N, C-alpha and C. Protein backbone atom coordinates (compact mmCIF):
# COMPACT_ATOMS: atom_id res chain seq x y z
N MET A 1 35.36 -13.58 -2.19
CA MET A 1 35.91 -12.54 -2.51
C MET A 1 37.05 -12.11 -1.75
N ALA A 2 37.89 -11.63 -2.58
CA ALA A 2 39.57 -10.95 -1.99
C ALA A 2 39.29 -10.09 -1.02
N ASP A 3 40.16 -10.20 0.17
CA ASP A 3 39.64 -9.27 1.33
C ASP A 3 40.88 -7.93 0.69
N GLU A 4 40.72 -6.85 0.13
CA GLU A 4 41.66 -5.98 -0.29
C GLU A 4 42.10 -4.89 0.76
N ARG A 5 41.70 -4.94 2.02
CA ARG A 5 41.65 -4.05 2.98
C ARG A 5 43.56 -4.19 3.26
N PRO A 6 43.82 -2.63 3.53
CA PRO A 6 44.94 -2.49 3.93
C PRO A 6 45.21 -3.14 5.73
N PRO A 7 46.48 -3.75 5.88
CA PRO A 7 46.38 -4.34 7.24
C PRO A 7 46.41 -3.10 8.20
N GLU A 8 46.09 -3.44 9.63
CA GLU A 8 45.95 -2.60 10.67
C GLU A 8 46.84 -2.82 11.40
N THR A 9 47.74 -1.60 12.23
CA THR A 9 48.51 -1.90 13.07
C THR A 9 47.99 -1.62 14.73
N ASP A 10 47.16 -0.73 14.75
CA ASP A 10 46.43 -0.46 16.18
C ASP A 10 45.05 -1.10 16.49
N PRO A 11 44.97 -1.92 16.81
CA PRO A 11 43.51 -2.63 16.99
C PRO A 11 42.26 -1.54 17.12
N GLN A 12 42.47 -0.52 17.83
CA GLN A 12 41.54 0.53 18.17
C GLN A 12 41.88 2.00 17.74
N PRO A 13 42.29 2.12 16.43
CA PRO A 13 43.16 3.65 16.24
C PRO A 13 41.80 4.71 16.69
N GLY A 14 42.39 5.52 17.15
CA GLY A 14 41.93 6.92 17.24
C GLY A 14 40.93 6.68 18.73
N TRP A 15 41.05 5.72 19.06
CA TRP A 15 40.20 5.60 20.46
C TRP A 15 40.30 6.88 21.36
N ALA A 16 41.57 7.37 22.08
CA ALA A 16 41.33 8.55 22.91
C ALA A 16 40.76 9.68 22.52
N GLU A 17 41.21 9.96 21.41
CA GLU A 17 40.52 10.91 21.07
C GLU A 17 38.52 10.94 20.83
N VAL A 18 38.37 9.69 20.40
CA VAL A 18 36.77 9.33 20.41
C VAL A 18 36.35 9.29 21.68
N ALA A 19 37.11 8.52 22.58
CA ALA A 19 36.59 8.83 24.19
C ALA A 19 36.52 10.12 24.82
N ALA A 20 37.24 10.95 24.47
CA ALA A 20 37.28 12.46 25.10
C ALA A 20 36.23 12.97 24.45
N THR A 21 35.83 12.51 23.33
CA THR A 21 34.96 13.58 22.54
C THR A 21 33.39 12.71 23.16
N LEU A 22 33.44 11.54 23.37
CA LEU A 22 32.03 10.70 24.09
C LEU A 22 31.82 11.25 25.53
N HIS A 23 33.25 11.64 26.35
CA HIS A 23 32.34 11.82 27.71
C HIS A 23 32.26 13.67 27.78
N ARG A 24 33.07 14.21 26.30
CA ARG A 24 32.54 15.58 26.58
C ARG A 24 30.65 15.81 26.55
N LEU A 25 30.58 15.29 25.09
CA LEU A 25 28.81 15.32 24.87
C LEU A 25 27.93 14.62 25.60
N TYR A 26 28.56 13.30 25.99
CA TYR A 26 27.68 12.45 26.76
C TYR A 26 28.28 12.10 28.02
N PRO A 27 28.14 12.75 29.07
CA PRO A 27 29.15 12.38 29.79
C PRO A 27 28.37 11.22 31.24
N ARG A 28 26.93 11.66 30.85
CA ARG A 28 26.41 9.93 31.38
C ARG A 28 26.16 8.91 30.95
N LEU A 29 27.06 8.72 29.73
CA LEU A 29 27.39 7.53 29.47
C LEU A 29 28.54 6.96 29.00
N GLU A 30 29.38 7.37 30.41
CA GLU A 30 30.44 6.80 30.61
C GLU A 30 30.93 5.30 30.64
N SER A 31 29.82 4.50 31.21
CA SER A 31 29.73 3.25 30.62
C SER A 31 28.79 2.70 29.89
N PHE A 32 29.02 3.45 28.88
CA PHE A 32 28.16 3.02 27.66
C PHE A 32 28.47 1.50 27.19
N THR A 33 27.69 0.81 26.54
CA THR A 33 27.68 -0.52 26.00
C THR A 33 26.79 -0.60 24.43
N GLY A 34 27.24 -0.76 23.54
CA GLY A 34 27.09 -0.28 22.06
C GLY A 34 28.06 -0.17 21.08
N LEU A 35 27.21 0.45 19.85
CA LEU A 35 28.12 0.86 19.06
C LEU A 35 28.71 2.60 18.98
N VAL A 36 29.60 2.76 18.79
CA VAL A 36 30.11 4.48 18.43
C VAL A 36 30.69 4.57 17.04
N VAL A 37 29.91 5.58 16.54
CA VAL A 37 30.72 5.99 15.18
C VAL A 37 30.92 7.06 15.23
N SER A 38 32.02 7.31 14.92
CA SER A 38 33.27 8.14 15.00
C SER A 38 33.15 9.03 13.56
N ILE A 39 32.69 10.10 13.27
CA ILE A 39 32.44 10.82 11.72
C ILE A 39 33.94 11.02 11.62
N SER A 40 34.30 11.91 12.45
CA SER A 40 36.13 12.30 12.15
C SER A 40 37.17 11.63 11.90
N ARG A 41 36.87 10.29 12.82
CA ARG A 41 37.78 9.11 12.59
C ARG A 41 37.42 8.02 11.51
N GLN A 42 36.12 8.10 10.85
CA GLN A 42 35.53 7.08 10.22
C GLN A 42 35.68 5.92 10.44
N ARG A 43 35.36 5.56 11.87
CA ARG A 43 35.29 4.29 12.25
C ARG A 43 34.12 4.04 13.16
N LEU A 44 34.17 2.82 13.30
CA LEU A 44 33.10 2.32 14.07
C LEU A 44 33.72 1.23 15.44
N TYR A 45 33.28 1.64 16.66
CA TYR A 45 33.61 1.25 17.58
C TYR A 45 32.46 0.09 18.23
N ARG A 46 33.13 -0.60 18.68
CA ARG A 46 31.92 -1.94 19.57
C ARG A 46 32.51 -1.67 21.03
N LEU A 47 31.68 -1.20 22.06
CA LEU A 47 31.82 -0.87 23.41
C LEU A 47 31.43 -1.94 24.55
N GLN A 48 31.91 -2.20 25.67
CA GLN A 48 31.48 -2.94 26.84
C GLN A 48 31.89 -2.59 27.75
N ASP A 49 30.74 -1.62 28.43
CA ASP A 49 30.93 -0.95 29.84
C ASP A 49 32.36 0.33 29.63
N GLY A 50 31.95 0.93 28.66
CA GLY A 50 32.87 2.09 28.01
C GLY A 50 34.20 1.58 27.56
N GLN A 51 34.26 0.47 27.38
CA GLN A 51 35.56 0.09 26.58
C GLN A 51 35.52 -0.54 25.33
N PRO A 52 36.33 -0.29 24.60
CA PRO A 52 36.33 -0.73 23.00
C PRO A 52 36.72 -2.27 23.12
N ARG A 53 35.84 -2.66 22.33
CA ARG A 53 36.27 -4.20 22.31
C ARG A 53 36.68 -4.44 21.06
N GLU A 54 36.30 -4.06 19.53
CA GLU A 54 36.53 -3.91 18.24
C GLU A 54 36.11 -2.79 17.56
N SER A 55 36.64 -2.98 16.68
CA SER A 55 36.64 -1.52 15.85
C SER A 55 36.66 -2.17 14.16
N TRP A 56 36.15 -0.98 13.33
CA TRP A 56 36.16 -1.00 11.97
C TRP A 56 36.30 -0.05 11.48
N PRO A 57 36.94 0.13 10.10
CA PRO A 57 36.46 1.46 9.31
C PRO A 57 35.32 1.71 8.92
N VAL A 58 34.92 2.70 8.51
CA VAL A 58 33.68 3.14 7.88
C VAL A 58 33.90 3.95 7.13
N SER A 59 33.15 4.34 6.39
CA SER A 59 32.36 5.26 5.57
C SER A 59 31.14 6.30 5.72
N THR A 60 31.46 7.41 6.23
CA THR A 60 29.90 8.24 6.56
C THR A 60 29.55 9.30 5.24
N SER A 61 28.97 10.00 5.27
CA SER A 61 28.56 11.29 4.29
C SER A 61 29.85 12.00 3.47
N ARG A 62 29.65 11.94 2.55
CA ARG A 62 30.53 12.59 1.70
C ARG A 62 29.97 14.10 1.93
N PHE A 63 29.11 14.57 2.49
CA PHE A 63 28.44 15.70 2.59
C PHE A 63 28.56 16.35 4.03
N GLY A 64 28.98 15.69 4.59
CA GLY A 64 28.98 15.99 6.42
C GLY A 64 28.13 15.36 7.26
N ALA A 65 28.01 15.67 8.33
CA ALA A 65 27.12 15.63 9.52
C ALA A 65 26.34 16.54 9.21
N GLY A 66 24.83 16.04 9.87
CA GLY A 66 23.47 16.86 10.06
C GLY A 66 22.33 15.98 9.64
N SER A 67 21.10 16.13 10.27
CA SER A 67 20.29 15.38 10.55
C SER A 67 19.06 15.86 9.27
N GLU A 68 19.06 17.20 8.78
CA GLU A 68 17.96 17.53 8.05
C GLU A 68 17.51 16.36 6.53
N ALA A 69 16.17 16.42 6.50
CA ALA A 69 15.85 15.24 5.48
C ALA A 69 16.19 15.97 4.24
N GLY A 70 16.57 15.15 3.44
CA GLY A 70 17.05 15.51 2.07
C GLY A 70 18.28 16.10 2.00
N SER A 71 19.05 16.08 3.32
CA SER A 71 20.56 17.00 3.09
C SER A 71 21.58 15.81 2.79
N TYR A 72 21.16 14.32 2.92
CA TYR A 72 22.17 13.50 2.65
C TYR A 72 23.50 13.25 3.27
N LYS A 73 23.17 13.99 4.69
CA LYS A 73 24.30 13.78 5.93
C LYS A 73 24.41 13.08 6.63
N THR A 74 25.13 12.63 7.73
CA THR A 74 25.19 11.52 8.79
C THR A 74 24.74 12.11 9.58
N PRO A 75 23.49 11.69 10.38
CA PRO A 75 22.96 12.21 11.75
C PRO A 75 24.11 11.71 12.75
N LEU A 76 23.87 13.12 13.83
CA LEU A 76 25.12 12.95 14.87
C LEU A 76 23.81 12.03 15.93
N GLY A 77 24.10 11.87 17.26
CA GLY A 77 23.33 11.60 18.04
C GLY A 77 22.68 10.20 18.77
N LEU A 78 22.47 9.95 19.54
CA LEU A 78 22.16 8.41 20.12
C LEU A 78 20.47 8.02 19.25
N HIS A 79 21.57 6.67 18.45
CA HIS A 79 20.18 6.00 17.66
C HIS A 79 19.99 4.63 18.60
N ARG A 80 19.41 3.92 17.94
CA ARG A 80 19.45 2.40 18.54
C ARG A 80 19.02 1.71 17.12
N VAL A 81 19.22 0.25 16.83
CA VAL A 81 19.04 -0.64 15.93
C VAL A 81 17.69 -1.15 16.11
N ARG A 82 16.90 -0.54 14.77
CA ARG A 82 15.56 -1.00 15.18
C ARG A 82 14.97 -2.16 14.34
N GLU A 83 15.92 -2.32 13.08
CA GLU A 83 15.49 -3.26 12.57
C GLU A 83 16.91 -4.07 11.52
N ARG A 84 16.75 -5.12 11.50
CA ARG A 84 18.19 -5.96 11.01
C ARG A 84 17.64 -6.77 9.68
N ILE A 85 18.53 -6.48 9.00
CA ILE A 85 17.65 -6.56 7.34
C ILE A 85 19.02 -7.38 6.46
N GLY A 86 18.62 -8.69 6.22
CA GLY A 86 19.57 -9.75 5.39
C GLY A 86 20.26 -10.60 5.78
N GLU A 87 19.91 -11.33 6.81
CA GLU A 87 20.38 -12.29 7.84
C GLU A 87 20.55 -13.56 6.69
N GLY A 88 21.58 -14.50 6.33
CA GLY A 88 21.75 -15.25 5.43
C GLY A 88 21.91 -14.96 3.99
N LEU A 89 21.89 -13.56 3.93
CA LEU A 89 22.42 -13.46 2.42
C LEU A 89 24.12 -13.71 1.94
N PRO A 90 24.35 -14.05 0.87
CA PRO A 90 25.69 -14.39 0.47
C PRO A 90 26.33 -12.77 0.67
N GLU A 91 27.39 -12.42 1.01
CA GLU A 91 28.49 -11.70 0.71
C GLU A 91 28.32 -10.74 -0.72
N GLY A 92 27.91 -9.47 -0.45
CA GLY A 92 27.79 -8.80 -1.27
C GLY A 92 26.53 -8.89 -2.36
N ALA A 93 25.39 -9.46 -1.56
CA ALA A 93 24.11 -9.59 -2.01
C ALA A 93 23.50 -7.98 -2.11
N VAL A 94 22.94 -7.63 -3.22
CA VAL A 94 22.50 -6.43 -3.16
C VAL A 94 21.01 -6.39 -2.97
N ILE A 95 20.84 -5.18 -1.78
CA ILE A 95 19.70 -4.79 -1.27
C ILE A 95 18.97 -3.75 -1.57
N ALA A 96 17.65 -3.78 -2.26
CA ALA A 96 17.37 -2.32 -2.89
C ALA A 96 15.85 -2.41 -2.09
N GLY A 97 15.57 -1.05 -1.75
CA GLY A 97 14.27 -1.02 -0.89
C GLY A 97 14.06 -1.97 0.31
N ARG A 98 15.46 -2.38 0.89
CA ARG A 98 14.98 -3.12 1.99
C ARG A 98 14.50 -4.69 1.38
N ILE A 99 14.90 -4.88 0.06
CA ILE A 99 14.70 -6.51 -0.21
C ILE A 99 16.05 -6.82 -1.31
N PRO A 100 16.31 -8.13 -0.94
CA PRO A 100 16.98 -8.64 -1.66
C PRO A 100 16.96 -8.82 -3.01
N THR A 101 17.60 -8.31 -4.02
CA THR A 101 17.12 -8.32 -5.25
C THR A 101 17.90 -9.76 -6.15
N GLY A 102 18.45 -10.41 -5.34
CA GLY A 102 18.98 -11.78 -5.98
C GLY A 102 20.40 -11.54 -6.78
N GLU A 103 20.86 -10.32 -6.95
CA GLU A 103 22.13 -10.19 -7.46
C GLU A 103 23.32 -10.13 -6.33
N VAL A 104 24.45 -10.42 -6.67
CA VAL A 104 25.79 -10.37 -6.01
C VAL A 104 26.53 -9.28 -6.94
N ALA A 105 26.84 -8.11 -6.04
CA ALA A 105 27.46 -6.94 -6.55
C ALA A 105 28.85 -7.28 -6.91
N GLU A 106 29.60 -6.47 -7.87
CA GLU A 106 30.66 -6.64 -7.93
C GLU A 106 31.51 -5.67 -7.51
N ILE A 107 32.63 -6.45 -6.45
CA ILE A 107 32.98 -5.52 -5.34
C ILE A 107 34.42 -4.61 -6.10
N VAL A 108 34.44 -3.39 -5.96
CA VAL A 108 35.20 -2.00 -6.54
C VAL A 108 35.93 -1.79 -5.55
N PRO A 109 37.57 -2.73 -5.51
CA PRO A 109 38.48 -2.35 -4.48
C PRO A 109 39.51 -1.11 -4.74
N GLU A 110 39.37 -0.63 -5.69
CA GLU A 110 40.14 1.09 -5.80
C GLU A 110 39.07 1.98 -5.37
N PRO A 111 39.66 3.13 -4.78
CA PRO A 111 39.11 4.23 -4.35
C PRO A 111 38.48 4.82 -5.21
N ARG A 112 37.28 4.70 -6.03
CA ARG A 112 36.57 5.14 -6.94
C ARG A 112 35.06 5.58 -6.60
N ARG A 113 34.11 6.40 -7.02
CA ARG A 113 32.98 6.17 -6.95
C ARG A 113 32.58 5.64 -8.33
N THR A 114 31.57 5.05 -8.09
CA THR A 114 30.89 4.27 -9.48
C THR A 114 29.43 4.85 -9.67
N ALA A 115 28.61 4.46 -10.57
CA ALA A 115 27.59 5.39 -11.03
C ALA A 115 26.30 4.23 -10.06
N ASP A 116 26.51 3.36 -9.33
CA ASP A 116 25.44 2.71 -8.64
C ASP A 116 25.95 3.30 -7.33
N ASP A 117 24.91 2.78 -6.32
CA ASP A 117 24.83 3.17 -4.46
C ASP A 117 24.18 2.15 -4.09
N PHE A 118 25.19 0.64 -4.45
CA PHE A 118 24.48 -0.32 -3.81
C PHE A 118 24.36 -0.19 -2.36
N VAL A 119 23.38 -0.88 -1.76
CA VAL A 119 23.39 -1.31 -0.58
C VAL A 119 23.50 -2.73 -0.47
N THR A 120 24.63 -3.64 0.25
CA THR A 120 24.99 -4.99 0.18
C THR A 120 25.13 -5.87 1.54
N SER A 121 24.77 -6.93 1.34
CA SER A 121 25.29 -7.93 2.06
C SER A 121 24.02 -7.66 3.49
N ARG A 122 24.22 -6.72 4.48
CA ARG A 122 23.26 -6.36 5.57
C ARG A 122 23.14 -4.76 5.75
N ILE A 123 21.90 -5.15 6.35
CA ILE A 123 21.48 -3.51 6.96
C ILE A 123 21.05 -3.64 8.46
N LEU A 124 21.58 -2.68 9.36
CA LEU A 124 21.14 -2.15 10.34
C LEU A 124 20.55 -1.22 10.18
N TRP A 125 19.35 -1.10 10.45
CA TRP A 125 18.37 0.39 9.91
C TRP A 125 18.14 1.16 11.39
N LEU A 126 18.57 2.54 11.35
CA LEU A 126 19.01 2.92 13.06
C LEU A 126 17.39 4.19 13.04
N GLU A 127 17.21 3.91 14.04
CA GLU A 127 16.26 5.02 14.85
C GLU A 127 16.77 6.00 15.89
N GLY A 128 16.51 7.18 15.50
CA GLY A 128 16.94 8.38 16.62
C GLY A 128 16.36 8.30 17.48
N MET A 129 17.10 8.69 18.79
CA MET A 129 16.59 8.76 20.09
C MET A 129 16.74 10.32 20.73
N GLU A 130 16.89 10.99 20.03
CA GLU A 130 16.87 12.39 20.79
C GLU A 130 15.81 13.27 19.85
N PRO A 131 14.93 13.47 20.24
CA PRO A 131 13.73 14.46 19.76
C PRO A 131 14.42 15.66 19.21
N GLY A 132 13.90 16.29 17.51
CA GLY A 132 14.67 16.96 17.34
C GLY A 132 16.28 17.36 16.99
N LEU A 133 16.79 16.42 17.38
CA LEU A 133 17.88 16.21 17.08
C LEU A 133 17.96 15.19 15.67
N ASN A 134 17.65 13.77 15.90
CA ASN A 134 17.94 13.02 14.84
C ASN A 134 16.40 12.12 15.13
N GLN A 135 15.42 12.73 15.74
CA GLN A 135 14.08 12.01 16.08
C GLN A 135 12.50 12.63 15.44
N GLY A 136 11.56 12.62 14.89
CA GLY A 136 10.91 13.84 14.58
C GLY A 136 11.07 14.17 13.03
N GLU A 137 9.94 15.16 13.21
CA GLU A 137 9.93 15.67 11.98
C GLU A 137 10.97 16.63 11.02
N GLY A 138 11.12 15.85 9.93
CA GLY A 138 12.67 16.48 9.47
C GLY A 138 13.50 16.51 9.30
N VAL A 139 13.69 15.60 10.58
CA VAL A 139 15.07 15.17 10.86
C VAL A 139 15.31 13.79 11.44
N ASP A 140 14.21 13.43 11.36
CA ASP A 140 14.02 11.65 11.37
C ASP A 140 15.03 10.55 10.95
N SER A 141 16.05 9.76 11.86
CA SER A 141 16.97 9.16 11.22
C SER A 141 16.22 7.98 10.60
N HIS A 142 15.21 7.47 11.22
CA HIS A 142 14.57 6.27 10.56
C HIS A 142 13.70 6.46 9.21
N GLN A 143 13.34 7.42 9.25
CA GLN A 143 12.36 8.21 8.22
C GLN A 143 13.42 8.22 6.80
N ARG A 144 14.77 8.81 7.19
CA ARG A 144 15.56 8.95 6.43
C ARG A 144 16.35 7.68 5.48
N TYR A 145 15.99 6.71 5.98
CA TYR A 145 16.61 5.32 5.72
C TYR A 145 18.21 5.73 6.19
N ILE A 146 18.44 5.98 7.46
CA ILE A 146 20.00 5.81 7.64
C ILE A 146 20.35 4.40 7.91
N TYR A 147 20.98 3.68 7.61
CA TYR A 147 21.48 2.23 7.74
C TYR A 147 23.11 2.14 8.22
N ILE A 148 23.55 1.06 8.60
CA ILE A 148 24.48 0.77 8.69
C ILE A 148 24.72 -0.68 7.70
N HIS A 149 25.65 -0.38 6.45
CA HIS A 149 25.76 -1.49 5.85
C HIS A 149 26.69 -1.68 4.79
N GLY A 150 26.74 -2.53 4.07
CA GLY A 150 27.70 -3.13 3.07
C GLY A 150 27.77 -2.22 2.22
N THR A 151 28.88 -2.14 1.41
CA THR A 151 28.94 -1.33 -0.02
C THR A 151 29.73 -2.33 -0.76
N HIS A 152 29.59 -1.83 -2.43
CA HIS A 152 30.48 -2.50 -3.07
C HIS A 152 31.37 -1.50 -3.83
N GLU A 153 31.34 -0.34 -3.05
CA GLU A 153 32.63 0.72 -3.36
C GLU A 153 33.87 0.51 -2.00
N GLU A 154 34.34 -0.63 -1.96
CA GLU A 154 34.97 -0.83 -0.60
C GLU A 154 35.91 0.00 -0.87
N GLY A 155 36.60 0.43 -2.13
CA GLY A 155 37.66 1.09 -1.90
C GLY A 155 37.81 2.38 -1.08
N LEU A 156 36.42 2.65 -1.13
CA LEU A 156 35.89 4.00 -0.57
C LEU A 156 36.11 4.30 1.27
N ILE A 157 36.02 3.07 1.60
CA ILE A 157 35.74 2.82 3.12
C ILE A 157 36.94 3.51 3.51
N GLY A 158 36.94 4.29 4.67
CA GLY A 158 37.96 5.03 5.41
C GLY A 158 37.79 6.52 5.17
N GLN A 159 36.96 6.69 4.39
CA GLN A 159 36.97 8.20 4.05
C GLN A 159 35.51 8.32 3.66
N PRO A 160 35.10 9.86 3.88
CA PRO A 160 33.58 10.21 3.76
C PRO A 160 33.14 9.87 2.16
N ALA A 161 31.87 9.13 1.99
CA ALA A 161 31.87 8.94 0.75
C ALA A 161 30.26 8.50 0.30
N SER A 162 29.32 8.44 1.56
CA SER A 162 28.14 7.71 1.55
C SER A 162 27.21 9.18 1.31
N LYS A 163 25.80 8.58 1.04
CA LYS A 163 24.72 9.55 1.29
C LYS A 163 24.24 9.87 2.52
N GLY A 164 24.82 9.49 3.48
CA GLY A 164 24.23 9.51 5.07
C GLY A 164 24.29 8.26 5.69
N CYS A 165 24.60 7.31 5.27
CA CYS A 165 24.60 5.94 5.81
C CYS A 165 25.91 5.88 6.28
N ILE A 166 26.22 4.67 6.74
CA ILE A 166 27.32 4.46 7.24
C ILE A 166 27.97 2.86 6.94
N ARG A 167 28.76 3.08 6.05
CA ARG A 167 29.30 2.06 4.72
C ARG A 167 30.38 1.34 5.71
N MET A 168 30.29 -0.33 5.42
CA MET A 168 30.98 -0.72 5.89
C MET A 168 31.95 -1.77 4.83
N TYR A 169 32.93 -2.39 4.92
CA TYR A 169 33.32 -3.92 4.07
C TYR A 169 32.26 -4.62 4.26
N ASN A 170 32.31 -5.44 3.42
CA ASN A 170 31.25 -6.44 3.42
C ASN A 170 31.38 -7.68 4.34
N ARG A 171 32.27 -8.31 4.68
CA ARG A 171 32.53 -9.06 5.58
C ARG A 171 32.67 -8.69 7.20
N ASP A 172 33.07 -7.11 6.97
CA ASP A 172 32.71 -6.67 8.52
C ASP A 172 31.53 -6.25 9.08
N VAL A 173 30.50 -5.92 7.95
CA VAL A 173 29.10 -5.47 8.13
C VAL A 173 28.38 -6.78 8.50
N ILE A 174 28.78 -7.97 7.94
CA ILE A 174 28.25 -9.43 8.25
C ILE A 174 28.60 -9.74 9.50
N ALA A 175 30.01 -9.97 10.02
CA ALA A 175 30.41 -9.89 11.64
C ALA A 175 29.61 -9.05 12.65
N LEU A 176 29.47 -7.84 12.27
CA LEU A 176 28.97 -7.01 13.12
C LEU A 176 27.39 -7.05 13.34
N PHE A 177 26.49 -7.63 11.94
CA PHE A 177 25.29 -8.20 12.16
C PHE A 177 25.30 -9.35 12.92
N GLU A 178 26.04 -9.90 12.95
CA GLU A 178 25.58 -11.36 14.10
C GLU A 178 25.68 -10.99 15.25
N GLU A 179 26.35 -9.79 15.83
CA GLU A 179 26.85 -9.69 17.15
C GLU A 179 25.91 -8.37 17.70
N THR A 180 25.11 -8.17 16.58
CA THR A 180 24.10 -6.68 17.25
C THR A 180 22.63 -7.04 17.01
N PRO A 181 21.97 -7.17 18.10
CA PRO A 181 20.55 -7.60 18.05
C PRO A 181 19.90 -6.30 17.93
N SER A 182 18.37 -5.97 17.32
CA SER A 182 17.69 -5.04 17.53
C SER A 182 17.58 -4.42 18.83
N GLY A 183 17.62 -3.01 18.88
CA GLY A 183 17.37 -2.52 20.28
C GLY A 183 18.92 -1.91 20.45
N THR A 184 20.01 -2.57 19.83
CA THR A 184 21.43 -2.32 20.43
C THR A 184 21.65 -0.41 20.14
N PRO A 185 22.15 0.07 21.29
CA PRO A 185 22.52 1.64 21.27
C PRO A 185 23.66 2.02 19.96
N VAL A 186 23.42 3.02 19.20
CA VAL A 186 24.16 3.36 18.47
C VAL A 186 24.48 5.17 18.77
N LEU A 187 25.86 5.34 18.96
CA LEU A 187 26.12 6.87 19.12
C LEU A 187 26.87 7.51 17.92
N ILE A 188 26.51 8.16 17.41
CA ILE A 188 26.88 8.75 16.29
C ILE A 188 27.57 10.41 16.61
N LEU A 189 29.16 9.88 16.49
CA LEU A 189 30.07 11.62 17.23
C LEU A 189 30.41 12.11 15.86
N PRO A 190 30.78 13.39 16.15
CA PRO A 190 31.50 14.17 15.10
C PRO A 190 32.81 13.69 14.98
């Protein structure tokens, strides 16, 4: 599949702003190792000891941030990867109900929404770690099926377009999956 992404000139776009938000909201996580999703920057960063090592553009919810069940919003706060699904699947493989269908989605490189909402390539299924915010009745990220996953609507990456999940380019989510074991902390910031 052709990679239709625009080239990036800054390897860690927006990191200074994200770091300031991280330290303001979670000062105890100054030396955080894990993944940080910035909704405002539409970006996912991999941190090691509080320093960004890699980053990728993402697409969070078009309905904004929030944890309420049925809201289709991207939840905030500290999570962890509870389950990993899709190892060894081809790029663009369609996953429905966390089961591969055997189909490979046609990638849409233009910035347009389609009638389908395919989950593709890989899933990192998140579990909330903050009771009342993203864990527990009515707000539980795992019960809401909040994933980091690939999408066939790659032209929408970089802008809010999902129904709560964190979408990535298929190649990016495959690379991230390979380096992200179960239990990896994931912090979602406004």
